[in-house]
Amino acid sequence: QVQLVESGGGSVQPGGSLRLSCAASGFSFSGRSVSWYRQAPGKERESVAVISSNGRDTDYADSVKGRFTISRDNTKYMVYLQMNSLTSEDTAVYYCYARGGYWGQGIQVTVAS
């Protein structure tokens, strides 16, 4: 069974940090690029960060550059998103996506005082 399962979301105050995790199973994970997307209420889903299959190349949306870091551990079938200096603008449901059409179910991140 193909699965991408996000974890690590929750509520945090502005300026705080969260680390999202994405656990993959049931498909060939290590050969695929993986992205984190997010969707805020009333807005379209947007790409936040992407990492190449071997982890050597990454790219970020301008809105999160310098604050978010994507990484992966292919030996554990895991991808991570370290989010620092969070603001209310980062409040959204965050999704893990693996190239080929594999989506996680999403996890809520809320930044509020």
C-alpha atoms as a PDB file:
ATOM      1  CA  GLN A   1       0.000   0.000   0.000  1.00  0.00           C
ATOM      2  CA  VAL A   2       1.415   3.345  -1.074  1.00  0.00           C
ATOM      3  CA  GLN A   3       1.577   5.792   1.788  1.00  0.00           C
ATOM      4  CA  LEU A   4       2.995   9.170   2.645  1.00  0.00           C
ATOM      5  CA  VAL A   5       2.293  10.108   6.238  1.00  0.00           C
ATOM      6  CA  GLU A   6       3.076  13.534   7.629  1.00  0.00           C
ATOM      7  CA  SER A   7       3.709  14.235  11.292  1.00  0.00           C
ATOM      8  CA  GLY A   8       5.072  16.992  13.508  1.00  0.00           C
ATOM      9  CA  GLY A   9       2.488  19.658  12.886  1.00  0.00           C
ATOM     10  CA  GLY A  10       0.645  21.624  15.521  1.00  0.00           C
ATOM     11  CA  SER A  11       0.373  25.077  17.011  1.00  0.00           C
ATOM     12  CA  VAL A  12       3.300  27.380  17.672  1.00  0.00           C
ATOM     13  CA  GLN A  13       3.791  31.028  18.558  1.00  0.00           C
ATOM     14  CA  PRO A  14       5.218  33.484  16.031  1.00  0.00           C
ATOM     15  CA  GLY A  15       8.975  33.173  15.893  1.00  0.00           C
ATOM     16  CA  GLY A  16       8.836  29.539  16.883  1.00  0.00           C
ATOM     17  CA  SER A  17       9.931  26.408  15.082  1.00  0.00           C
ATOM     18  CA  LEU A  18       8.438  23.122  13.968  1.00  0.00           C
ATOM     19  CA  ARG A  19       9.860  20.107  12.209  1.00  0.00           C
ATOM     20  CA  LEU A  20       7.592  18.216   9.860  1.00  0.00           C
ATOM     21  CA  SER A  21       8.308  14.626   8.932  1.00  0.00           C
ATOM     22  CA  CYS A  22       7.046  12.598   5.999  1.00  0.00           C
ATOM     23  CA  ALA A  23       7.260   8.816   6.148  1.00  0.00           C
ATOM     24  CA  ALA A  24       7.022   6.947   2.842  1.00  0.00           C
ATOM     25  CA  SER A  25       6.149   3.323   2.266  1.00  0.00           C
ATOM     26  CA  GLY A  26       4.885   1.042  -0.460  1.00  0.00           C
ATOM     27  CA  PHE A  27       6.762   2.523  -3.422  1.00  0.00           C
ATOM     28  CA  SER A  28      10.262   3.282  -4.667  1.00  0.00           C
ATOM     29  CA  PHE A  29      10.915   6.388  -2.634  1.00  0.00           C
ATOM     30  CA  SER A  30      14.649   6.891  -3.008  1.00  0.00           C
ATOM     31  CA  GLY A  31      14.515   7.513  -6.757  1.00  0.00           C
ATOM     32  CA  ARG A  32      11.982  10.336  -6.580  1.00  0.00           C
ATOM     33  CA  SER A  33      12.158  13.996  -5.817  1.00  0.00           C
ATOM     34  CA  VAL A  34       9.941  15.029  -2.921  1.00  0.00           C
ATOM     35  CA  SER A  35       8.227  18.319  -2.253  1.00  0.00           C
ATOM     36  CA  TRP A  36       6.415  19.990   0.576  1.00  0.00           C
ATOM     37  CA  TYR A  37       3.322  21.922  -0.399  1.00  0.00           C
ATOM     38  CA  ARG A  38       0.994  23.988   1.721  1.00  0.00           C
ATOM     39  CA  GLN A  39      -2.503  25.320   1.408  1.00  0.00           C
ATOM     40  CA  ALA A  40      -3.821  28.158   3.509  1.00  0.00           C
ATOM     41  CA  PRO A  41      -7.558  28.810   3.920  1.00  0.00           C
ATOM     42  CA  GLY A  42      -8.955  30.426   0.794  1.00  0.00           C
ATOM     43  CA  LYS A  43      -5.697  30.072  -1.108  1.00  0.00           C
ATOM     44  CA  GLU A  44      -4.340  27.697  -3.710  1.00  0.00           C
ATOM     45  CA  ARG A  45      -1.911  24.955  -2.826  1.00  0.00           C
ATOM     46  CA  GLU A  46       1.653  26.155  -3.288  1.00  0.00           C
ATOM     47  CA  SER A  47       5.032  24.485  -3.403  1.00  0.00           C
ATOM     48  CA  VAL A  48       7.198  25.357  -0.421  1.00  0.00           C
ATOM     49  CA  ALA A  49      10.318  23.264  -0.905  1.00  0.00           C
ATOM     50  CA  VAL A  50      11.630  20.463  -3.089  1.00  0.00           C
ATOM     51  CA  ILE A  51      14.527  18.064  -2.723  1.00  0.00           C
ATOM     52  CA  SER A  52      16.106  15.891  -5.383  1.00  0.00           C
ATOM     53  CA  SER A  53      16.109  12.125  -5.162  1.00  0.00           C
ATOM     54  CA  ASN A  54      19.669  11.987  -3.786  1.00  0.00           C
ATOM     55  CA  GLY A  55      19.194  14.985  -1.536  1.00  0.00           C
ATOM     56  CA  ARG A  56      21.908  17.082  -3.154  1.00  0.00           C
ATOM     57  CA  ASP A  57      19.646  19.702  -4.711  1.00  0.00           C
ATOM     58  CA  THR A  58      16.981  21.746  -3.003  1.00  0.00           C
ATOM     59  CA  ASP A  59      14.824  24.709  -3.896  1.00  0.00           C
ATOM     60  CA  TYR A  60      12.494  26.906  -1.922  1.00  0.00           C
ATOM     61  CA  ALA A  61       9.683  29.346  -2.389  1.00  0.00           C
ATOM     62  CA  ASP A  62      10.864  32.903  -1.893  1.00  0.00           C
ATOM     63  CA  SER A  63       8.540  33.266   1.077  1.00  0.00           C
ATOM     64  CA  VAL A  64      10.388  30.605   3.079  1.00  0.00           C
ATOM     65  CA  LYS A  65      13.993  30.936   1.891  1.00  0.00           C
ATOM     66  CA  GLY A  66      16.378  31.250   4.791  1.00  0.00           C
ATOM     67  CA  ARG A  67      13.751  29.990   7.255  1.00  0.00           C
ATOM     68  CA  PHE A  68      12.822  26.494   6.044  1.00  0.00           C
ATOM     69  CA  THR A  69      15.135  23.586   5.332  1.00  0.00           C
ATOM     70  CA  ILE A  70      14.153  20.411   3.506  1.00  0.00           C
ATOM     71  CA  SER A  71      16.155  17.229   3.970  1.00  0.00           C
ATOM     72  CA  ARG A  72      15.760  13.510   3.478  1.00  0.00           C
ATOM     73  CA  ASP A  73      17.064  10.195   4.692  1.00  0.00           C
ATOM     74  CA  ASN A  74      16.617   7.584   1.992  1.00  0.00           C
ATOM     75  CA  THR A  75      17.724   4.810   4.324  1.00  0.00           C
ATOM     76  CA  LYS A  76      14.695   5.547   6.487  1.00  0.00           C
ATOM     77  CA  TYR A  77      12.292   6.556   3.700  1.00  0.00           C
ATOM     78  CA  MET A  78      11.869   9.928   5.390  1.00  0.00           C
ATOM     79  CA  VAL A  79      11.709  13.564   4.325  1.00  0.00           C
ATOM     80  CA  TYR A  80      11.798  16.478   6.748  1.00  0.00           C
ATOM     81  CA  LEU A  81      10.919  20.141   6.737  1.00  0.00           C
ATOM     82  CA  GLN A  82      12.556  22.232   9.434  1.00  0.00           C
ATOM     83  CA  MET A  83      10.606  25.460   9.816  1.00  0.00           C
ATOM     84  CA  ASN A  84      12.086  28.345  11.778  1.00  0.00           C
ATOM     85  CA  SER A  85      11.030  31.935  12.460  1.00  0.00           C
ATOM     86  CA  LEU A  86       7.432  31.040  11.787  1.00  0.00           C
ATOM     87  CA  THR A  87       4.866  33.735  11.171  1.00  0.00           C
ATOM     88  CA  SER A  88       1.100  33.732  10.874  1.00  0.00           C
ATOM     89  CA  GLU A  89       1.565  33.667   7.103  1.00  0.00           C
ATOM     90  CA  ASP A  90       2.910  30.123   7.457  1.00  0.00           C
ATOM     91  CA  THR A  91      -0.384  28.853   8.862  1.00  0.00           C
ATOM     92  CA  ALA A  92      -1.636  26.193   6.464  1.00  0.00           C
ATOM     93  CA  VAL A  93      -2.132  22.512   5.871  1.00  0.00           C
ATOM     94  CA  TYR A  94       1.202  21.075   4.777  1.00  0.00           C
ATOM     95  CA  TYR A  95       1.419  18.184   2.341  1.00  0.00           C
ATOM     96  CA  CYS A  96       4.211  15.853   1.364  1.00  0.00           C
ATOM     97  CA  TYR A  97       4.372  14.963  -2.336  1.00  0.00           C
ATOM     98  CA  ALA A  98       6.595  12.436  -4.098  1.00  0.00           C
ATOM     99  CA  ARG A  99       7.097  12.699  -7.857  1.00  0.00           C
ATOM    100  CA  GLY A 100       4.717  10.399  -9.657  1.00  0.00           C
ATOM    101  CA  GLY A 101       1.538  11.560  -8.002  1.00  0.00           C
ATOM    102  CA  TYR A 102       1.962  10.433  -4.409  1.00  0.00           C
ATOM    103  CA  TRP A 103       0.383  12.733  -1.824  1.00  0.00           C
ATOM    104  CA  GLY A 104       0.188  12.608   1.925  1.00  0.00           C
ATOM    105  CA  GLN A 105      -3.019  13.384   3.762  1.00  0.00           C
ATOM    106  CA  GLY A 106      -1.770  16.727   5.030  1.00  0.00           C
ATOM    107  CA  ILE A 107      -1.046  18.111   8.470  1.00  0.00           C
ATOM    108  CA  GLN A 108      -2.105  21.365  10.081  1.00  0.00           C
ATOM    109  CA  VAL A 109       0.415  24.000  11.104  1.00  0.00           C
ATOM    110  CA  THR A 110      -0.960  26.973  13.006  1.00  0.00           C
ATOM    111  CA  VAL A 111       1.143  29.969  13.964  1.00  0.00           C
ATOM    112  CA  ALA A 112      -0.621  32.220  16.446  1.00  0.00           C
ATOM    113  CA  SER A 113       0.075  34.053  19.680  1.00  0.00           C
END
